[in-house]
Structures are given as C-alpha cells and as structure tokens.
Protein backbone atom coordinates (compact mmCIF):
# COMPACT_ATOMS: atom_id res chain seq x y z
CA MET A 1 -9.46 20.84 51.07
CA VAL A 2 -6.43 19.07 49.72
CA ASP A 3 -8.22 15.73 50.06
CA SER A 4 -11.11 16.87 47.83
CA GLU A 5 -8.66 18.09 45.17
CA GLN A 6 -6.81 14.77 45.41
CA SER A 7 -10.03 12.80 44.92
CA GLN A 8 -10.93 14.89 41.86
CA HIS A 9 -7.60 13.99 40.21
CA ASP A 10 -7.94 10.32 41.14
CA ASN A 11 -11.35 10.01 39.51
CA PRO A 12 -10.99 11.35 35.99
CA GLU A 13 -14.15 12.51 34.32
CA PRO A 14 -15.76 10.09 31.89
CA PRO A 15 -15.20 10.90 28.22
CA SER A 16 -17.52 13.53 26.82
CA LYS A 17 -20.22 12.69 24.32
CA SER A 18 -18.17 14.35 21.57
CA GLU A 19 -15.12 12.24 22.40
CA LEU A 20 -17.18 9.05 22.29
CA LYS A 21 -18.63 10.10 18.95
CA ARG A 22 -15.14 10.79 17.52
CA GLU A 23 -13.93 7.41 18.74
CA MET A 24 -16.94 5.68 17.16
CA GLN A 25 -16.35 7.50 13.86
CA ALA A 26 -12.67 6.49 13.95
CA LEU A 27 -13.67 2.86 14.43
CA GLN A 28 -16.18 3.12 11.57
CA GLN A 29 -13.44 4.59 9.37
CA LEU A 30 -11.17 1.71 10.36
CA GLY A 31 -13.93 -0.65 9.24
CA LYS A 32 -14.23 1.21 5.92
CA ASP A 33 -10.46 1.04 5.44
CA LEU A 34 -10.54 -2.71 6.06
CA MET A 35 -13.35 -3.24 3.56
CA ALA A 36 -11.44 -1.28 0.91
CA LEU A 37 -8.53 -3.71 1.09
CA PRO A 38 -8.04 -6.34 -1.60
CA ASP A 39 -9.10 -9.83 -0.52
CA SER A 40 -5.49 -11.00 -0.18
CA HIS A 41 -4.74 -8.25 2.35
CA PHE A 42 -8.11 -8.54 4.08
CA ALA A 43 -7.45 -12.22 4.77
CA ARG A 44 -4.35 -11.24 6.79
CA MET A 45 -6.38 -9.15 9.24
CA PRO A 46 -6.85 -10.51 12.77
CA LEU A 47 -10.67 -10.34 12.75
CA SER A 48 -13.30 -12.56 14.33
CA GLU A 49 -15.63 -14.55 12.11
CA ASP A 50 -18.57 -12.35 13.19
CA MET A 51 -16.75 -9.20 12.07
CA ARG A 52 -15.78 -10.82 8.74
CA ASP A 53 -19.44 -11.75 8.20
CA ALA A 54 -20.59 -8.21 9.07
CA MET A 55 -18.09 -6.75 6.60
CA ALA A 56 -19.10 -9.23 3.90
CA LEU A 57 -22.73 -8.22 4.42
CA TYR A 58 -21.78 -4.53 4.13
CA LYS A 59 -20.12 -5.22 0.77
CA ARG A 60 -23.24 -7.01 -0.52
CA LEU A 61 -25.67 -4.24 0.50
CA LYS A 62 -26.84 -1.89 -2.24
CA HIS A 63 -28.86 0.80 -0.46
CA ASN A 64 -27.03 3.67 1.21
CA GLU A 65 -29.17 3.66 4.35
CA ALA A 66 -28.62 -0.06 4.87
CA LYS A 67 -24.89 0.42 4.35
CA ARG A 68 -24.86 3.28 6.85
CA ARG A 69 -26.61 1.16 9.50
CA GLN A 70 -24.29 -1.78 8.85
CA LEU A 71 -21.27 0.51 9.12
CA GLN A 72 -22.57 1.74 12.48
CA PHE A 73 -22.91 -1.88 13.57
CA ILE A 74 -19.33 -2.58 12.50
CA GLY A 75 -18.08 0.50 14.35
CA LYS A 76 -20.03 -0.49 17.46
CA ASN A 77 -18.53 -4.00 17.47
CA MET A 78 -15.00 -2.98 16.47
CA PRO A 79 -13.82 -2.46 20.09
CA ARG A 80 -14.30 -6.21 20.61
CA GLU A 81 -11.61 -6.81 18.02
CA ALA A 82 -7.86 -6.43 18.50
CA VAL A 83 -7.88 -2.87 17.15
CA ASP A 84 -4.18 -2.25 17.84
CA ASP A 85 -3.24 -5.45 15.99
CA ILE A 86 -5.48 -4.47 13.08
CA ARG A 87 -3.92 -1.01 12.87
CA ALA A 88 -0.42 -2.55 13.04
CA GLU A 89 -1.28 -4.91 10.17
CA LEU A 90 -2.68 -1.99 8.14
CA GLU A 91 0.56 -0.06 8.74
CA LYS A 92 2.55 -3.09 7.61
CA ILE A 93 0.50 -3.40 4.42
CA ASP A 94 0.87 0.33 3.76
CA HIS A 95 4.64 0.08 4.20
CA GLU A 96 4.85 -2.91 1.83
CA SER A 97 2.83 -0.96 -0.72
CA LYS A 98 5.15 2.05 -0.44
CA VAL A 99 8.23 -0.16 -0.87
CA TYR A 100 6.68 -1.78 -3.95
CA ARG A 101 5.76 1.59 -5.49
CA HIS A 102 9.25 2.92 -4.81
CA HIS A 103 10.79 -0.12 -6.48
CA PHE A 104 8.40 0.23 -9.45
CA HIS A 105 9.25 3.93 -9.92
CA ARG A 106 12.94 3.15 -9.61
CA LEU A 107 12.65 0.59 -12.42
CA GLU A 108 10.76 3.07 -14.60
CA GLN A 109 13.42 5.70 -14.00
CA LEU A 110 16.18 3.22 -14.77
CA ARG A 111 14.47 2.17 -18.00
CA ASP A 112 14.08 5.81 -19.09
CA GLU A 113 17.73 6.52 -18.29
CA LEU A 114 18.84 3.51 -20.32
CA ILE A 115 16.76 4.57 -23.32
CA SER A 116 17.78 8.23 -23.25
CA GLY A 117 21.37 7.73 -22.09
CA GLY A 118 22.60 5.47 -24.85
CA ASN A 119 25.75 3.34 -24.49
CA ASP A 120 27.10 5.33 -21.55
CA ALA A 121 23.98 4.58 -19.50
CA VAL A 122 24.11 0.90 -20.47
CA THR A 123 27.78 0.70 -19.46
CA GLN A 124 27.05 2.35 -16.11
CA PHE A 125 24.16 -0.02 -15.55
CA LEU A 126 26.32 -3.05 -16.34
CA ASP A 127 28.95 -1.82 -13.87
CA GLN A 128 26.31 -1.85 -11.13
CA TYR A 129 24.62 -5.10 -12.21
CA PRO A 130 27.26 -7.32 -13.86
CA THR A 131 25.09 -10.47 -13.80
CA VAL A 132 22.57 -9.12 -16.32
CA ASP A 133 22.52 -10.57 -19.86
CA ILE A 134 24.47 -7.87 -21.74
CA GLN A 135 23.37 -8.81 -25.23
CA GLN A 136 19.68 -8.93 -24.39
CA LEU A 137 19.89 -5.63 -22.50
CA ARG A 138 21.63 -3.82 -25.37
CA ASN A 139 19.17 -5.28 -27.87
CA LEU A 140 16.13 -4.15 -25.84
CA VAL A 141 17.57 -0.66 -25.33
CA ARG A 142 18.31 -0.36 -29.06
CA GLN A 143 14.76 -1.47 -29.97
CA ALA A 144 13.23 0.98 -27.49
CA GLN A 145 15.34 3.84 -28.83
CA LYS A 146 14.33 2.96 -32.37
CA GLU A 147 10.64 2.88 -31.43
CA GLN A 148 10.98 6.20 -29.64
CA SER A 149 12.65 7.87 -32.62
CA GLN A 150 9.97 6.52 -34.97
CA GLN A 151 7.21 7.52 -32.52
CA LYS A 152 5.81 3.99 -32.40
CA PRO A 153 3.95 2.48 -29.44
CA PRO A 154 6.42 1.56 -26.68
CA ALA A 155 6.33 -2.26 -26.95
CA ALA A 156 10.11 -2.62 -26.64
CA SER A 157 10.10 -0.16 -23.75
CA ARG A 158 7.64 -2.43 -21.94
CA LYS A 159 9.82 -5.44 -22.71
CA LEU A 160 12.82 -3.59 -21.30
CA PHE A 161 10.85 -2.79 -18.16
CA ARG A 162 9.87 -6.46 -17.73
CA PHE A 163 13.49 -7.48 -18.29
CA LEU A 164 14.65 -5.05 -15.59
CA ARG A 165 11.91 -6.15 -13.19
CA GLU A 166 12.79 -9.83 -13.62
CA ASN A 167 16.54 -9.31 -13.34
CA LEU A 168 16.46 -6.82 -10.51
CA ALA A 169 13.58 -8.32 -8.52
CA MET A 170 13.54 -6.28 -5.33
CA ALA A 171 17.27 -5.65 -5.53
CA PRO A 172 18.52 -3.38 -2.77
CA ASP A 173 18.61 0.30 -3.56
CA THR A 174 21.84 1.46 -5.13
CA GLU A 175 22.19 5.04 -6.20
CA HIS A 176 23.07 5.50 -9.84
C-alpha cells in the first residue's frame, strides 16, 4: 500500500487544461508587452529572428481577427524563446523607467521649490550643489517668479527646469 502511495507522489499529474490555458495567456500577454515597447527597448530583447518577424507582422496587421490569430501564434512559440531572460530584461527596463521618472519628478519639485522659496531656497540649493552657475540660476529663478506673478506662460520655468536637468544630470539623491 505504501508503494502505491509512493508511486503516486513520484509521478505528478500533468497540468490541467485550465493551467495550460493560463500559461498560454501569460505568454500571449508577454508578447503583447514586448510589442508595446519602444523600438529602442524592443531591440534589447533576447528574441529569435522568427519571433521578431512574427511580432513585426502582428504590428502590421489591421484586422482584429488576424491580430488575435497572430497573437496566439506568438504565444504558442514563446516557450521556444528564453522567457526568463526576456522577463528579466523587461524588469530591468521597468526599473530604469522608474528611476528616470523619479529623477524627473525630483527636478520638477526642486524647480517649484526654487520658484516659490525665493532667496532662501536658492541659498539652500547652492549649499547642496556648489558647482552650479550662481548668476544664471538666480536669473532664471527671478524670471520664473516674475512670469508667475504676471500669470504669463511658464517659459522661464521651463528654462529653469532644463538648467537643473543639465546641471544635475542623474545626480545621486540628496534630501533637501
């Protein structure tokens, strides 16, 4: 009796039809995610030439039914690809995107603080980043404040943002 129980645990049951369907849908979704990437990111993916061609065809198709069939084809052939490597590369791209967005928001916040904070904010900023051109920074902040008070379009504010982005290009995070 123990031997029959042992043999049942040694031979796991094959995946159910529902599990196979979920796996296939996950691979199709992975294909969709890959096709949604910009070309520069898509080029970094470790895909075979056949898979690249299948995805290029999917992008060219206009009819929904044809796209659905092509997506099924992509999902069916996805297990032949290095799926773990593809997912790792997608994670890496996602992380890079998050870092970039965080840096962008940090620069926006810094710009807003400089405009609303006046000379105190500029002095604090210069304490943290002493290599920045002081005169140009003060001039841009003054222009942005003037535009804001006159309710003009924020051209100087954009210039200040560009100045910060160029001078603090991916600088490490420092709390201010």
